[in-house]
Protein backbone atom coordinates (compact mmCIF):
# COMPACT_ATOMS: atom_id res chain seq x y z
CA SER A 1 100.02 124.26 94.28
CA GLU A 2 101.63 120.68 94.02
CA PRO A 3 99.65 117.81 95.63
CA PRO A 4 101.06 116.21 98.46
CA GLU A 5 103.44 113.39 97.34
CA GLN A 6 101.99 110.02 97.90
CA LYS A 7 103.82 107.57 99.96
CA GLY A 8 103.45 103.87 99.41
CA CYS A 9 100.59 101.91 97.61
CA LEU A 10 96.99 102.08 98.11
CA GLU A 11 95.63 99.92 100.77
CA GLY A 12 95.29 96.42 99.73
CA TYR A 13 98.59 96.60 97.73
CA ARG A 14 102.18 95.92 98.28
CA CYS A 15 105.01 97.90 96.99
CA CYS A 16 107.56 95.53 95.10
CA ALA A 17 110.58 96.62 93.27
CA ILE A 18 113.59 94.89 91.24
CA PHE A 19 117.01 96.17 92.77
CA PRO A 20 120.04 95.96 90.21
CA GLU A 21 122.73 94.03 91.65
CA ASP A 22 124.62 96.01 94.39
CA SER A 23 122.31 98.93 94.08
CA LYS A 24 120.17 100.52 96.93
CA LYS A 25 118.01 102.22 94.25
CA PRO A 26 115.13 100.10 92.46
CA SER A 27 115.29 100.02 88.64
CA LYS A 28 111.40 99.21 88.77
CA VAL A 29 108.69 99.87 91.49
CA ARG A 30 105.11 98.31 91.18
CA CYS A 31 102.04 98.29 93.42
CA VAL A 32 100.72 94.51 93.37
CA GLU A 33 97.51 93.57 94.71
CA SER A 34 98.10 91.61 98.23
CA LYS A 35 95.26 89.11 97.62
CA SER A 36 96.99 88.25 94.15
CA LEU A 37 100.31 87.49 95.80
CA PHE A 38 98.57 85.36 98.47
CA LYS A 39 96.93 83.38 95.76
CA LYS A 40 100.25 82.72 93.87
CA SER A 41 101.85 81.78 96.95
CA SER A 42 102.49 78.43 98.48
CA TRP A 43 99.39 76.83 99.64
CA ILE A 44 100.94 75.28 102.53
CA HIS A 45 102.12 78.54 103.93
CA PRO A 46 100.21 81.34 101.98
CA THR A 47 101.67 84.54 102.49
CA SER A 48 101.41 88.06 100.35
CA LYS A 49 105.15 88.37 99.43
CA CYS A 50 106.76 90.14 96.39
CA LYS A 51 108.64 87.15 95.52
CA TYR A 52 105.54 85.71 94.01
CA PHE A 53 105.00 88.45 91.61
CA LYS A 54 106.46 87.32 88.22
CA PRO A 55 105.34 89.57 85.36
CA GLN A 56 106.05 88.56 81.83
CA ASP A 57 107.65 91.67 81.10
CA LEU A 58 110.20 91.73 83.73
CA LYS A 59 112.23 89.04 85.30
CA GLY A 60 112.92 89.52 89.23
CA PRO A 61 113.68 88.69 91.90
CA TRP A 62 110.93 91.35 93.20
CA THR A 63 111.44 92.31 96.79
CA HIS A 64 109.28 94.27 99.16
CA ALA A 65 110.39 97.96 99.16
CA GLU A 66 107.79 100.32 100.88
CA GLN A 67 110.51 103.02 101.34
CA HIS A 68 110.75 103.36 97.75
CA CYS A 69 107.05 103.74 96.78
CA THR A 70 106.24 107.22 95.89
CA ALA A 71 103.52 108.29 93.42
CA ASP A 72 106.34 109.41 90.83
CA ASP A 73 108.34 106.10 91.07
CA VAL A 74 105.32 103.57 90.78
CA ASP A 75 104.95 101.89 87.50
CA GLY A 76 101.31 101.20 87.84
CA TYR A 77 99.12 98.87 89.90
CA TRP A 78 99.21 95.01 89.06
CA SER A 79 97.14 92.01 89.98
CA TRP A 80 96.63 88.36 88.88
CA ASN A 81 94.03 87.74 86.00
CA LYS A 82 92.96 84.30 86.51
CA GLU A 83 90.88 84.24 83.20
CA ALA A 84 94.23 85.19 81.18
CA ASN A 85 96.40 83.21 83.56
CA GLU A 86 99.02 86.26 83.77
CA TRP A 87 99.82 89.25 85.77
CA HIS A 88 98.38 92.49 84.27
CA GLU A 89 98.47 96.12 84.82
CA GLU A 90 95.24 97.30 86.01
CA SER A 91 93.55 100.52 84.38
CA ALA A 92 92.88 101.99 87.72
CA PRO A 93 93.61 100.62 91.01
CA VAL A 94 90.59 98.98 92.95
CA GLN A 95 90.51 100.07 96.47
CA GLU A 96 89.22 97.40 99.15
CA THR A 97 87.00 99.92 100.78
CA GLN A 98 84.61 99.68 97.88
CA GLU A 99 83.53 96.26 98.65
CA VAL A 100 82.64 97.24 102.28
CA GLU A 101 80.56 100.38 100.64
CA ALA A 102 78.70 97.92 98.27
CA GLU A 103 77.28 95.98 101.31
CA GLY A 104 75.83 99.38 102.67
CA GLN A 105 74.65 100.60 99.58
CA ASP A 106 71.06 101.37 100.84
CA ASP A 107 72.28 103.41 103.70
CA ILE A 108 74.70 105.35 101.42
CA MET A 109 71.81 106.13 99.02
CA ASP A 110 69.36 107.32 101.90
CA ASP A 111 72.54 109.70 103.36
CA ASP A 112 72.90 111.11 99.50
CA ILE A 113 69.26 111.88 99.06
CA VAL A 114 69.05 113.71 102.56
CA ASP A 115 72.30 115.43 102.01
CA ALA A 116 70.91 116.76 98.50
CA GLY A 117 67.64 118.10 99.95
CA GLU A 118 69.69 120.16 102.48
CA GLU A 119 72.08 121.44 99.94
CA ASP A 120 68.95 122.71 97.56
CA GLU A 121 67.77 124.35 100.82
CA GLU A 122 70.96 126.33 101.14
CA LEU A 123 70.68 127.38 97.28
CA VAL A 124 67.36 128.92 97.64
């Protein structure tokens, strides 16, 4: 069975695309980390807009295009690498929910131990 088609980028990412002149279909679509767009925007009016996405490999302009973001079309997840001072493709997108989980790590650990015990009893 086919997995359901994922619409849009993961949470914390914005769908950015390049549209060829006079075209309604984008030539390239990427999911860009919202925090990175925010950091690269104007410090006077900071916003997470695709126009601030300026990767070295493709000249824009990049525009927001949520309706064109499907799992098949997306050319990777991108973020700003401060150390390298450039946009880079992430090996795997980091979902913002992980930060929340890290804070409550102790609770999660306790739950896992309890769950594991219950599973063992069912196996016997």
